[in-house]
Amino acid sequence: MAWVYLVVAGIFEWGWPVGLKLGMTDSGLRWGWIGFAVICIVASGACLLVAQKSIPMGTAYAVWTGIGAVGAFAIGIVLFAEPATLLRFLFVGMIVLGIVGLKLVSGS
């Protein structure tokens, strides 16, 4: 169950960079998006807290940030037209391999 909490924590990690990106415009702050980011930060941290009860801290943190990074990468491409180059996918693939590797060698 701890790994489920960790994956959910990683998914909530996607929300706060999106909220921050959409929360600031040239005309000022958009408080709804800032609030969304804050909610995602709190939810992500709470799920990470629960996951770390049985997953080693270093493993949990690396997987959490990896899921967040990969998700933010994909959202950036899909929603914000960020570059989708082969090299970017290659390096994000390395992050995914690291996440899978940590899960495979974890005792949990």
PDB file of N, CA and C in Angstrom:
ATOM      1  N   MET A   1       0.809  -1.201   0.000  1.00  0.00           N
ATOM      2  CA  MET A   1       0.000   0.000   0.000  1.00  0.00           C
ATOM      3  C   MET A   1       0.855   1.269   0.000  1.00  0.00           C
ATOM      4  N   ALA A   2       2.047   1.160   0.595  1.00  0.00           N
ATOM      5  CA  ALA A   2       2.930   2.322   0.642  1.00  0.00           C
ATOM      6  C   ALA A   2       3.315   2.797  -0.756  1.00  0.00           C
ATOM      7  N   TRP A   3       3.491   1.836  -1.678  1.00  0.00           N
ATOM      8  CA  TRP A   3       3.857   2.218  -3.044  1.00  0.00           C
ATOM      9  C   TRP A   3       2.699   2.923  -3.744  1.00  0.00           C
ATOM     10  N   VAL A   4       1.484   2.561  -3.406  1.00  0.00           N
ATOM     11  CA  VAL A   4       0.317   3.269  -3.965  1.00  0.00           C
ATOM     12  C   VAL A   4       0.333   4.722  -3.483  1.00  0.00           C
ATOM     13  N   TYR A   5       0.565   4.912  -2.187  1.00  0.00           N
ATOM     14  CA  TYR A   5       0.661   6.280  -1.665  1.00  0.00           C
ATOM     15  C   TYR A   5       1.789   7.047  -2.341  1.00  0.00           C
ATOM     16  N   LEU A   6       2.897   6.375  -2.592  1.00  0.00           N
ATOM     17  CA  LEU A   6       4.028   7.045  -3.229  1.00  0.00           C
ATOM     18  C   LEU A   6       3.701   7.460  -4.658  1.00  0.00           C
ATOM     19  N   VAL A   7       3.033   6.605  -5.396  1.00  0.00           N
ATOM     20  CA  VAL A   7       2.633   6.963  -6.766  1.00  0.00           C
ATOM     21  C   VAL A   7       1.630   8.116  -6.738  1.00  0.00           C
ATOM     22  N   VAL A   8       0.678   8.067  -5.829  1.00  0.00           N
ATOM     23  CA  VAL A   8      -0.298   9.165  -5.720  1.00  0.00           C
ATOM     24  C   VAL A   8       0.425  10.456  -5.351  1.00  0.00           C
ATOM     25  N   ALA A   9       1.390  10.372  -4.444  1.00  0.00           N
ATOM     26  CA  ALA A   9       2.181  11.555  -4.090  1.00  0.00           C
ATOM     27  C   ALA A   9       2.875  12.123  -5.321  1.00  0.00           C
ATOM     28  N   GLY A  10       3.444  11.238  -6.140  1.00  0.00           N
ATOM     29  CA  GLY A  10       4.118  11.676  -7.368  1.00  0.00           C
ATOM     30  C   GLY A  10       3.157  12.329  -8.344  1.00  0.00           C
ATOM     31  N   ILE A  11       1.942  11.797  -8.428  1.00  0.00           N
ATOM     32  CA  ILE A  11       0.944  12.385  -9.324  1.00  0.00           C
ATOM     33  C   ILE A  11       0.537  13.775  -8.838  1.00  0.00           C
ATOM     34  N   PHE A  12       0.367  13.934  -7.523  1.00  0.00           N
ATOM     35  CA  PHE A  12       0.074  15.273  -6.998  1.00  0.00           C
ATOM     36  C   PHE A  12       1.222  16.239  -7.282  1.00  0.00           C
ATOM     37  N   GLU A  13       2.437  15.708  -7.410  1.00  0.00           N
ATOM     38  CA  GLU A  13       3.579  16.560  -7.759  1.00  0.00           C
ATOM     39  C   GLU A  13       3.390  17.243  -9.112  1.00  0.00           C
ATOM     40  N   TRP A  14       2.612  16.639  -9.988  1.00  0.00           N
ATOM     41  CA  TRP A  14       2.378  17.257 -11.299  1.00  0.00           C
ATOM     42  C   TRP A  14       1.582  18.535 -11.170  1.00  0.00           C
ATOM     43  N   GLY A  15       0.728  18.599 -10.175  1.00  0.00           N
ATOM     44  CA  GLY A  15      -0.203  19.724 -10.060  1.00  0.00           C
ATOM     45  C   GLY A  15       0.432  21.034  -9.677  1.00  0.00           C
ATOM     46  N   TRP A  16       1.438  20.973  -8.813  1.00  0.00           N
ATOM     47  CA  TRP A  16       1.930  22.268  -8.359  1.00  0.00           C
ATOM     48  C   TRP A  16       2.754  23.034  -9.391  1.00  0.00           C
ATOM     49  N   PRO A  17       3.572  22.404 -10.238  1.00  0.00           N
ATOM     50  CA  PRO A  17       4.226  23.222 -11.261  1.00  0.00           C
ATOM     51  C   PRO A  17       3.234  23.781 -12.282  1.00  0.00           C
ATOM     52  N   VAL A  18       2.175  22.996 -12.556  1.00  0.00           N
ATOM     53  CA  VAL A  18       1.139  23.502 -13.462  1.00  0.00           C
ATOM     54  C   VAL A  18       0.440  24.704 -12.829  1.00  0.00           C
ATOM     55  N   GLY A  19       0.071  24.564 -11.557  1.00  0.00           N
ATOM     56  CA  GLY A  19      -0.581  25.664 -10.856  1.00  0.00           C
ATOM     57  C   GLY A  19       0.286  26.916 -10.799  1.00  0.00           C
ATOM     58  N   LEU A  20       1.573  26.725 -10.564  1.00  0.00           N
ATOM     59  CA  LEU A  20       2.466  27.885 -10.522  1.00  0.00           C
ATOM     60  C   LEU A  20       2.640  28.511 -11.900  1.00  0.00           C
ATOM     61  N   LYS A  21       2.742  27.669 -12.933  1.00  0.00           N
ATOM     62  CA  LYS A  21       2.898  28.206 -14.288  1.00  0.00           C
ATOM     63  C   LYS A  21       1.671  29.018 -14.694  1.00  0.00           C
ATOM     64  N   LEU A  22       0.496  28.486 -14.398  1.00  0.00           N
ATOM     65  CA  LEU A  22      -0.740  29.185 -14.769  1.00  0.00           C
ATOM     66  C   LEU A  22      -1.125  30.269 -13.772  1.00  0.00           C
ATOM     67  N   GLY A  23      -0.475  30.279 -12.623  1.00  0.00           N
ATOM     68  CA  GLY A  23      -0.827  31.222 -11.565  1.00  0.00           C
ATOM     69  C   GLY A  23      -0.226  32.604 -11.704  1.00  0.00           C
ATOM     70  N   MET A  24       0.672  32.783 -12.640  1.00  0.00           N
ATOM     71  CA  MET A  24       1.301  34.092 -12.808  1.00  0.00           C
ATOM     72  C   MET A  24       1.188  34.509 -14.260  1.00  0.00           C
ATOM     73  N   THR A  25       0.611  35.658 -14.466  1.00  0.00           N
ATOM     74  CA  THR A  25       0.509  36.216 -15.811  1.00  0.00           C
ATOM     75  C   THR A  25       1.096  37.615 -15.802  1.00  0.00           C
ATOM     76  N   ASP A  26       1.197  38.208 -16.973  1.00  0.00           N
ATOM     77  CA  ASP A  26       1.698  39.583 -17.058  1.00  0.00           C
ATOM     78  C   ASP A  26       0.788  40.562 -16.320  1.00  0.00           C
ATOM     79  N   SER A  27      -0.488  40.194 -16.196  1.00  0.00           N
ATOM     80  CA  SER A  27      -1.426  41.091 -15.518  1.00  0.00           C
ATOM     81  C   SER A  27      -1.557  40.796 -14.024  1.00  0.00           C
ATOM     82  N   GLY A  28      -0.819  39.823 -13.515  1.00  0.00           N
ATOM     83  CA  GLY A  28      -0.828  39.560 -12.076  1.00  0.00           C
ATOM     84  C   GLY A  28      -1.070  38.104 -11.741  1.00  0.00           C
ATOM     85  N   LEU A  29      -1.279  37.878 -10.450  1.00  0.00           N
ATOM     86  CA  LEU A  29      -1.480  36.520  -9.956  1.00  0.00           C
ATOM     87  C   LEU A  29      -2.901  36.047 -10.203  1.00  0.00           C
ATOM     88  N   ARG A  30      -3.017  34.757 -10.471  1.00  0.00           N
ATOM     89  CA  ARG A  30      -4.317  34.100 -10.602  1.00  0.00           C
ATOM     90  C   ARG A  30      -4.442  33.179  -9.397  1.00  0.00           C
ATOM     91  N   TRP A  31      -5.149  33.654  -8.373  1.00  0.00           N
ATOM     92  CA  TRP A  31      -5.168  33.006  -7.073  1.00  0.00           C
ATOM     93  C   TRP A  31      -5.760  31.598  -7.098  1.00  0.00           C
ATOM     94  N   GLY A  32      -6.669  31.326  -7.994  1.00  0.00           N
ATOM     95  CA  GLY A  32      -7.220  29.977  -8.094  1.00  0.00           C
ATOM     96  C   GLY A  32      -6.145  28.961  -8.431  1.00  0.00           C
ATOM     97  N   TRP A  33      -5.285  29.309  -9.374  1.00  0.00           N
ATOM     98  CA  TRP A  33      -4.198  28.400  -9.760  1.00  0.00           C
ATOM     99  C   TRP A  33      -3.141  28.312  -8.666  1.00  0.00           C
ATOM    100  N   ILE A  34      -2.875  29.422  -7.985  1.00  0.00           N
ATOM    101  CA  ILE A  34      -1.928  29.384  -6.861  1.00  0.00           C
ATOM    102  C   ILE A  34      -2.485  28.466  -5.771  1.00  0.00           C
ATOM    103  N   GLY A  35      -3.774  28.579  -5.494  1.00  0.00           N
ATOM    104  CA  GLY A  35      -4.423  27.707  -4.514  1.00  0.00           C
ATOM    105  C   GLY A  35      -4.349  26.246  -4.925  1.00  0.00           C
ATOM    106  N   PHE A  36      -4.570  25.977  -6.201  1.00  0.00           N
ATOM    107  CA  PHE A  36      -4.448  24.618  -6.730  1.00  0.00           C
ATOM    108  C   PHE A  36      -3.044  24.072  -6.476  1.00  0.00           C
ATOM    109  N   ALA A  37      -2.032  24.897  -6.724  1.00  0.00           N
ATOM    110  CA  ALA A  37      -0.647  24.480  -6.498  1.00  0.00           C
ATOM    111  C   ALA A  37      -0.415  24.144  -5.030  1.00  0.00           C
ATOM    112  N   VAL A  38      -0.915  24.983  -4.142  1.00  0.00           N
ATOM    113  CA  VAL A  38      -0.733  24.760  -2.704  1.00  0.00           C
ATOM    114  C   VAL A  38      -1.420  23.470  -2.267  1.00  0.00           C
ATOM    115  N   ILE A  39      -2.623  23.231  -2.748  1.00  0.00           N
ATOM    116  CA  ILE A  39      -3.337  21.990  -2.418  1.00  0.00           C
ATOM    117  C   ILE A  39      -2.550  20.777  -2.898  1.00  0.00           C
ATOM    118  N   CYS A  40      -2.006  20.861  -4.101  1.00  0.00           N
ATOM    119  CA  CYS A  40      -1.218  19.741  -4.634  1.00  0.00           C
ATOM    120  C   CYS A  40       0.055  19.516  -3.823  1.00  0.00           C
ATOM    121  N   ILE A  41       0.698  20.591  -3.398  1.00  0.00           N
ATOM    122  CA  ILE A  41       1.911  20.466  -2.583  1.00  0.00           C
ATOM    123  C   ILE A  41       1.586  19.759  -1.273  1.00  0.00           C
ATOM    124  N   VAL A  42       0.527  20.185  -0.614  1.00  0.00           N
ATOM    125  CA  VAL A  42       0.149  19.591   0.672  1.00  0.00           C
ATOM    126  C   VAL A  42      -0.252  18.128   0.497  1.00  0.00           C
ATOM    127  N   ALA A  43      -1.070  17.843  -0.510  1.00  0.00           N
ATOM    128  CA  ALA A  43      -1.509  16.461  -0.747  1.00  0.00           C
ATOM    129  C   ALA A  43      -0.328  15.567  -1.089  1.00  0.00           C
ATOM    130  N   SER A  44       0.579  16.060  -1.897  1.00  0.00           N
ATOM    131  CA  SER A  44       1.756  15.290  -2.271  1.00  0.00           C
ATOM    132  C   SER A  44       2.613  14.988  -1.048  1.00  0.00           C
ATOM    133  N   GLY A  45       2.855  15.995  -0.249  1.00  0.00           N
ATOM    134  CA  GLY A  45       3.650  15.802   0.963  1.00  0.00           C
ATOM    135  C   GLY A  45       3.000  14.843   1.940  1.00  0.00           C
ATOM    136  N   ALA A  46       1.677  14.926   2.078  1.00  0.00           N
ATOM    137  CA  ALA A  46       0.962  14.029   2.992  1.00  0.00           C
ATOM    138  C   ALA A  46       1.073  12.579   2.530  1.00  0.00           C
ATOM    139  N   CYS A  47       0.926  12.345   1.246  1.00  0.00           N
ATOM    140  CA  CYS A  47       1.050  10.980   0.720  1.00  0.00           C
ATOM    141  C   CYS A  47       2.482  10.472   0.850  1.00  0.00           C
ATOM    142  N   LEU A  48       3.456  11.345   0.629  1.00  0.00           N
ATOM    143  CA  LEU A  48       4.862  10.959   0.806  1.00  0.00           C
ATOM    144  C   LEU A  48       5.121  10.600   2.265  1.00  0.00           C
ATOM    145  N   LEU A  49       4.559  11.357   3.181  1.00  0.00           N
ATOM    146  CA  LEU A  49       4.707  11.091   4.607  1.00  0.00           C
ATOM    147  C   LEU A  49       4.247   9.673   4.942  1.00  0.00           C
ATOM    148  N   VAL A  50       3.080   9.307   4.443  1.00  0.00           N
ATOM    149  CA  VAL A  50       2.543   7.961   4.706  1.00  0.00           C
ATOM    150  C   VAL A  50       3.416   6.892   4.040  1.00  0.00           C
ATOM    151  N   ALA A  51       3.838   7.142   2.811  1.00  0.00           N
ATOM    152  CA  ALA A  51       4.649   6.159   2.089  1.00  0.00           C
ATOM    153  C   ALA A  51       5.970   5.882   2.800  1.00  0.00           C
ATOM    154  N   GLN A  52       6.555   6.913   3.393  1.00  0.00           N
ATOM    155  CA  GLN A  52       7.867   6.767   4.036  1.00  0.00           C
ATOM    156  C   GLN A  52       7.814   5.970   5.338  1.00  0.00           C
ATOM    157  N   LYS A  53       6.622   5.628   5.779  1.00  0.00           N
ATOM    158  CA  LYS A  53       6.528   4.785   6.974  1.00  0.00           C
ATOM    159  C   LYS A  53       7.114   3.403   6.710  1.00  0.00           C
ATOM    160  N   SER A  54       7.045   2.937   5.452  1.00  0.00           N
ATOM    161  CA  SER A  54       7.587   1.612   5.166  1.00  0.00           C
ATOM    162  C   SER A  54       8.549   1.566   3.982  1.00  0.00           C
ATOM    163  N   ILE A  55       8.682   2.648   3.258  1.00  0.00           N
ATOM    164  CA  ILE A  55       9.658   2.714   2.167  1.00  0.00           C
ATOM    165  C   ILE A  55      10.820   3.574   2.652  1.00  0.00           C
ATOM    166  N   PRO A  56      12.060   3.144   2.455  1.00  0.00           N
ATOM    167  CA  PRO A  56      13.194   3.959   2.891  1.00  0.00           C
ATOM    168  C   PRO A  56      13.115   5.384   2.324  1.00  0.00           C
ATOM    169  N   MET A  57      13.485   6.351   3.148  1.00  0.00           N
ATOM    170  CA  MET A  57      13.365   7.756   2.783  1.00  0.00           C
ATOM    171  C   MET A  57      14.044   8.079   1.455  1.00  0.00           C
ATOM    172  N   GLY A  58      15.260   7.631   1.266  1.00  0.00           N
ATOM    173  CA  GLY A  58      15.988   7.941   0.030  1.00  0.00           C
ATOM    174  C   GLY A  58      15.311   7.379  -1.203  1.00  0.00           C
ATOM    175  N   THR A  59      14.818   6.156  -1.087  1.00  0.00           N
ATOM    176  CA  THR A  59      14.090   5.532  -2.193  1.00  0.00           C
ATOM    177  C   THR A  59      12.797   6.288  -2.460  1.00  0.00           C
ATOM    178  N   ALA A  60      12.039   6.560  -1.403  1.00  0.00           N
ATOM    179  CA  ALA A  60      10.760   7.249  -1.552  1.00  0.00           C
ATOM    180  C   ALA A  60      10.951   8.620  -2.193  1.00  0.00           C
ATOM    181  N   TYR A  61      11.948   9.354  -1.726  1.00  0.00           N
ATOM    182  CA  TYR A  61      12.176  10.696  -2.257  1.00  0.00           C
ATOM    183  C   TYR A  61      12.589  10.651  -3.724  1.00  0.00           C
ATOM    184  N   ALA A  62      13.469   9.731  -4.063  1.00  0.00           N
ATOM    185  CA  ALA A  62      13.926   9.632  -5.460  1.00  0.00           C
ATOM    186  C   ALA A  62      12.776   9.252  -6.387  1.00  0.00           C
ATOM    187  N   VAL A  63      11.954   8.296  -5.970  1.00  0.00           N
ATOM    188  CA  VAL A  63      10.819   7.883  -6.796  1.00  0.00           C
ATOM    189  C   VAL A  63       9.803   9.013  -6.892  1.00  0.00           C
ATOM    190  N   TRP A  64       9.517   9.670  -5.786  1.00  0.00           N
ATOM    191  CA  TRP A  64       8.560  10.785  -5.737  1.00  0.00           C
ATOM    192  C   TRP A  64       8.969  11.895  -6.698  1.00  0.00           C
ATOM    193  N   THR A  65      10.210  12.320  -6.605  1.00  0.00           N
ATOM    194  CA  THR A  65      10.657  13.390  -7.501  1.00  0.00           C
ATOM    195  C   THR A  65      10.726  12.913  -8.946  1.00  0.00           C
ATOM    196  N   GLY A  66      11.074  11.639  -9.148  1.00  0.00           N
ATOM    197  CA  GLY A  66      11.119  11.099 -10.509  1.00  0.00           C
ATOM    198  C   GLY A  66       9.752  11.083 -11.160  1.00  0.00           C
ATOM    199  N   ILE A  67       8.743  10.602 -10.420  1.00  0.00           N
ATOM    200  CA  ILE A  67       7.380  10.607 -10.953  1.00  0.00           C
ATOM    201  C   ILE A  67       6.944  12.044 -11.245  1.00  0.00           C
ATOM    202  N   GLY A  68       7.262  12.943 -10.341  1.00  0.00           N
ATOM    203  CA  GLY A  68       6.917  14.350 -10.561  1.00  0.00           C
ATOM    204  C   GLY A  68       7.598  14.926 -11.792  1.00  0.00           C
ATOM    205  N   ALA A  69       8.868  14.615 -11.952  1.00  0.00           N
ATOM    206  CA  ALA A  69       9.623  15.146 -13.093  1.00  0.00           C
ATOM    207  C   ALA A  69       9.111  14.595 -14.417  1.00  0.00           C
ATOM    208  N   VAL A  70       8.858  13.303 -14.458  1.00  0.00           N
ATOM    209  CA  VAL A  70       8.375  12.684 -15.704  1.00  0.00           C
ATOM    210  C   VAL A  70       6.986  13.219 -16.051  1.00  0.00           C
ATOM    211  N   GLY A  71       6.123  13.333 -15.055  1.00  0.00           N
ATOM    212  CA  GLY A  71       4.779  13.867 -15.297  1.00  0.00           C
ATOM    213  C   GLY A  71       4.805  15.316 -15.747  1.00  0.00           C
ATOM    214  N   ALA A  72       5.632  16.127 -15.085  1.00  0.00           N
ATOM    215  CA  ALA A  72       5.737  17.534 -15.477  1.00  0.00           C
ATOM    216  C   ALA A  72       6.289  17.664 -16.893  1.00  0.00           C
ATOM    217  N   PHE A  73       7.218  16.793 -17.232  1.00  0.00           N
ATOM    218  CA  PHE A  73       7.771  16.767 -18.586  1.00  0.00           C
ATOM    219  C   PHE A  73       6.665  16.502 -19.611  1.00  0.00           C
ATOM    220  N   ALA A  74       5.867  15.468 -19.353  1.00  0.00           N
ATOM    221  CA  ALA A  74       4.792  15.102 -20.289  1.00  0.00           C
ATOM    222  C   ALA A  74       3.732  16.195 -20.370  1.00  0.00           C
ATOM    223  N   ILE A  75       3.344  16.741 -19.228  1.00  0.00           N
ATOM    224  CA  ILE A  75       2.344  17.815 -19.218  1.00  0.00           C
ATOM    225  C   ILE A  75       2.871  19.041 -19.963  1.00  0.00           C
ATOM    226  N   GLY A  76       4.150  19.329 -19.793  1.00  0.00           N
ATOM    227  CA  GLY A  76       4.746  20.457 -20.507  1.00  0.00           C
ATOM    228  C   GLY A  76       4.642  20.306 -22.011  1.00  0.00           C
ATOM    229  N   ILE A  77       4.853  19.097 -22.488  1.00  0.00           N
ATOM    230  CA  ILE A  77       4.750  18.835 -23.930  1.00  0.00           C
ATOM    231  C   ILE A  77       3.298  18.940 -24.391  1.00  0.00           C
ATOM    232  N   VAL A  78       2.395  18.296 -23.654  1.00  0.00           N
ATOM    233  CA  VAL A  78       0.997  18.215 -24.083  1.00  0.00           C
ATOM    234  C   VAL A  78       0.269  19.557 -23.938  1.00  0.00           C
ATOM    235  N   LEU A  79       0.442  20.217 -22.800  1.00  0.00           N
ATOM    236  CA  LEU A  79      -0.345  21.432 -22.532  1.00  0.00           C
ATOM    237  C   LEU A  79       0.358  22.740 -22.888  1.00  0.00           C
ATOM    238  N   PHE A  80       1.679  22.734 -22.856  1.00  0.00           N
ATOM    239  CA  PHE A  80       2.399  23.998 -23.025  1.00  0.00           C
ATOM    240  C   PHE A  80       3.327  24.024 -24.239  1.00  0.00           C
ATOM    241  N   ALA A  81       3.173  23.040 -25.108  1.00  0.00           N
ATOM    242  CA  ALA A  81       3.928  22.982 -26.367  1.00  0.00           C
ATOM    243  C   ALA A  81       5.438  23.073 -26.160  1.00  0.00           C
ATOM    244  N   GLU A  82       5.922  22.442 -25.103  1.00  0.00           N
ATOM    245  CA  GLU A  82       7.364  22.408 -24.873  1.00  0.00           C
ATOM    246  C   GLU A  82       7.999  21.441 -25.876  1.00  0.00           C
ATOM    247  N   PRO A  83       9.289  21.571 -26.125  1.00  0.00           N
ATOM    248  CA  PRO A  83       9.939  20.730 -27.134  1.00  0.00           C
ATOM    249  C   PRO A  83       9.823  19.233 -26.822  1.00  0.00           C
ATOM    250  N   ALA A  84       9.545  18.450 -27.856  1.00  0.00           N
ATOM    251  CA  ALA A  84       9.441  16.993 -27.732  1.00  0.00           C
ATOM    252  C   ALA A  84      10.533  16.355 -28.567  1.00  0.00           C
ATOM    253  N   THR A  85      11.771  16.578 -28.156  1.00  0.00           N
ATOM    254  CA  THR A  85      12.898  16.071 -28.936  1.00  0.00           C
ATOM    255  C   THR A  85      13.297  14.676 -28.465  1.00  0.00           C
ATOM    256  N   LEU A  86      13.966  13.971 -29.347  1.00  0.00           N
ATOM    257  CA  LEU A  86      14.415  12.620 -29.038  1.00  0.00           C
ATOM    258  C   LEU A  86      15.327  12.609 -27.813  1.00  0.00           C
ATOM    259  N   LEU A  87      16.239  13.550 -27.718  1.00  0.00           N
ATOM    260  CA  LEU A  87      17.159  13.576 -26.578  1.00  0.00           C
ATOM    261  C   LEU A  87      16.429  13.840 -25.262  1.00  0.00           C
ATOM    262  N   ARG A  88      15.423  14.698 -25.272  1.00  0.00           N
ATOM    263  CA  ARG A  88      14.641  14.937 -24.052  1.00  0.00           C
ATOM    264  C   ARG A  88      13.958  13.644 -23.615  1.00  0.00           C
ATOM    265  N   PHE A  89      13.375  12.921 -24.571  1.00  0.00           N
ATOM    266  CA  PHE A  89      12.732  11.649 -24.239  1.00  0.00           C
ATOM    267  C   PHE A  89      13.749  10.624 -23.746  1.00  0.00           C
ATOM    268  N   LEU A  90      14.926  10.611 -24.338  1.00  0.00           N
ATOM    269  CA  LEU A  90      15.973   9.691 -23.905  1.00  0.00           C
ATOM    270  C   LEU A  90      16.325   9.920 -22.437  1.00  0.00           C
ATOM    271  N   PHE A  91      16.545  11.163 -22.070  1.00  0.00           N
ATOM    272  CA  PHE A  91      16.944  11.460 -20.697  1.00  0.00           C
ATOM    273  C   PHE A  91      15.804  11.259 -19.703  1.00  0.00           C
ATOM    274  N   VAL A  92      14.584  11.539 -20.099  1.00  0.00           N
ATOM    275  CA  VAL A  92      13.445  11.246 -19.219  1.00  0.00           C
ATOM    276  C   VAL A  92      13.286   9.728 -19.091  1.00  0.00           C
ATOM    277  N   GLY A  93      13.581   9.010 -20.144  1.00  0.00           N
ATOM    278  CA  GLY A  93      13.563   7.557 -20.070  1.00  0.00           C
ATOM    279  C   GLY A  93      14.543   7.031 -19.036  1.00  0.00           C
ATOM    280  N   MET A  94      15.668   7.704 -18.889  1.00  0.00           N
ATOM    281  CA  MET A  94      16.633   7.310 -17.856  1.00  0.00           C
ATOM    282  C   MET A  94      16.046   7.509 -16.458  1.00  0.00           C
ATOM    283  N   ILE A  95      15.283   8.565 -16.278  1.00  0.00           N
ATOM    284  CA  ILE A  95      14.608   8.773 -14.991  1.00  0.00           C
ATOM    285  C   ILE A  95      13.633   7.632 -14.731  1.00  0.00           C
ATOM    286  N   VAL A  96      12.868   7.262 -15.749  1.00  0.00           N
ATOM    287  CA  VAL A  96      11.913   6.158 -15.606  1.00  0.00           C
ATOM    288  C   VAL A  96      12.649   4.866 -15.254  1.00  0.00           C
ATOM    289  N   LEU A  97      13.760   4.597 -15.903  1.00  0.00           N
ATOM    290  CA  LEU A  97      14.553   3.402 -15.570  1.00  0.00           C
ATOM    291  C   LEU A  97      15.015   3.446 -14.119  1.00  0.00           C
ATOM    292  N   GLY A  98      15.394   4.607 -13.639  1.00  0.00           N
ATOM    293  CA  GLY A  98      15.802   4.749 -12.245  1.00  0.00           C
ATOM    294  C   GLY A  98      14.658   4.458 -11.293  1.00  0.00           C
ATOM    295  N   ILE A  99      13.464   4.950 -11.624  1.00  0.00           N
ATOM    296  CA  ILE A  99      12.292   4.691 -10.780  1.00  0.00           C
ATOM    297  C   ILE A  99      12.002   3.189 -10.736  1.00  0.00           C
ATOM    298  N   VAL A 100      11.978   2.559 -11.889  1.00  0.00           N
ATOM    299  CA  VAL A 100      11.694   1.117 -11.969  1.00  0.00           C
ATOM    300  C   VAL A 100      12.793   0.337 -11.230  1.00  0.00           C
ATOM    301  N   GLY A 101      14.035   0.745 -11.428  1.00  0.00           N
ATOM    302  CA  GLY A 101      15.139   0.067 -10.749  1.00  0.00           C
ATOM    303  C   GLY A 101      15.032   0.162  -9.236  1.00  0.00           C
ATOM    304  N   LEU A 102      14.685   1.324  -8.728  1.00  0.00           N
ATOM    305  CA  LEU A 102      14.531   1.474  -7.280  1.00  0.00           C
ATOM    306  C   LEU A 102      13.396   0.595  -6.747  1.00  0.00           C
ATOM    307  N   LYS A 103      12.322   0.505  -7.508  1.00  0.00           N
ATOM    308  CA  LYS A 103      11.214  -0.367  -7.084  1.00  0.00           C
ATOM    309  C   LYS A 103      11.666  -1.825  -7.065  1.00  0.00           C
ATOM    310  N   LEU A 104      12.426  -2.239  -8.073  1.00  0.00           N
ATOM    311  CA  LEU A 104      12.859  -3.630  -8.163  1.00  0.00           C
ATOM    312  C   LEU A 104      13.817  -4.036  -7.036  1.00  0.00           C
ATOM    313  N   VAL A 105      14.664  -3.127  -6.621  1.00  0.00           N
ATOM    314  CA  VAL A 105      15.641  -3.470  -5.577  1.00  0.00           C
ATOM    315  C   VAL A 105      15.145  -3.133  -4.172  1.00  0.00           C
ATOM    316  N   SER A 106      13.982  -2.533  -4.088  1.00  0.00           N
ATOM    317  CA  SER A 106      13.431  -2.180  -2.777  1.00  0.00           C
ATOM    318  C   SER A 106      12.900  -3.419  -2.088  1.00  0.00           C
ATOM    319  N   GLY A 107      13.054  -3.454  -0.792  1.00  0.00           N
ATOM    320  CA  GLY A 107      12.548  -4.568  -0.008  1.00  0.00           C
ATOM    321  C   GLY A 107      11.059  -4.477   0.267  1.00  0.00           C
ATOM    322  N   SER A 108      10.441  -3.331   0.013  1.00  0.00           N
ATOM    323  CA  SER A 108       9.008  -3.138   0.316  1.00  0.00           C
ATOM    324  C   SER A 108       8.138  -3.827  -0.697  1.00  0.00           C
TER     325      SER A 108
END
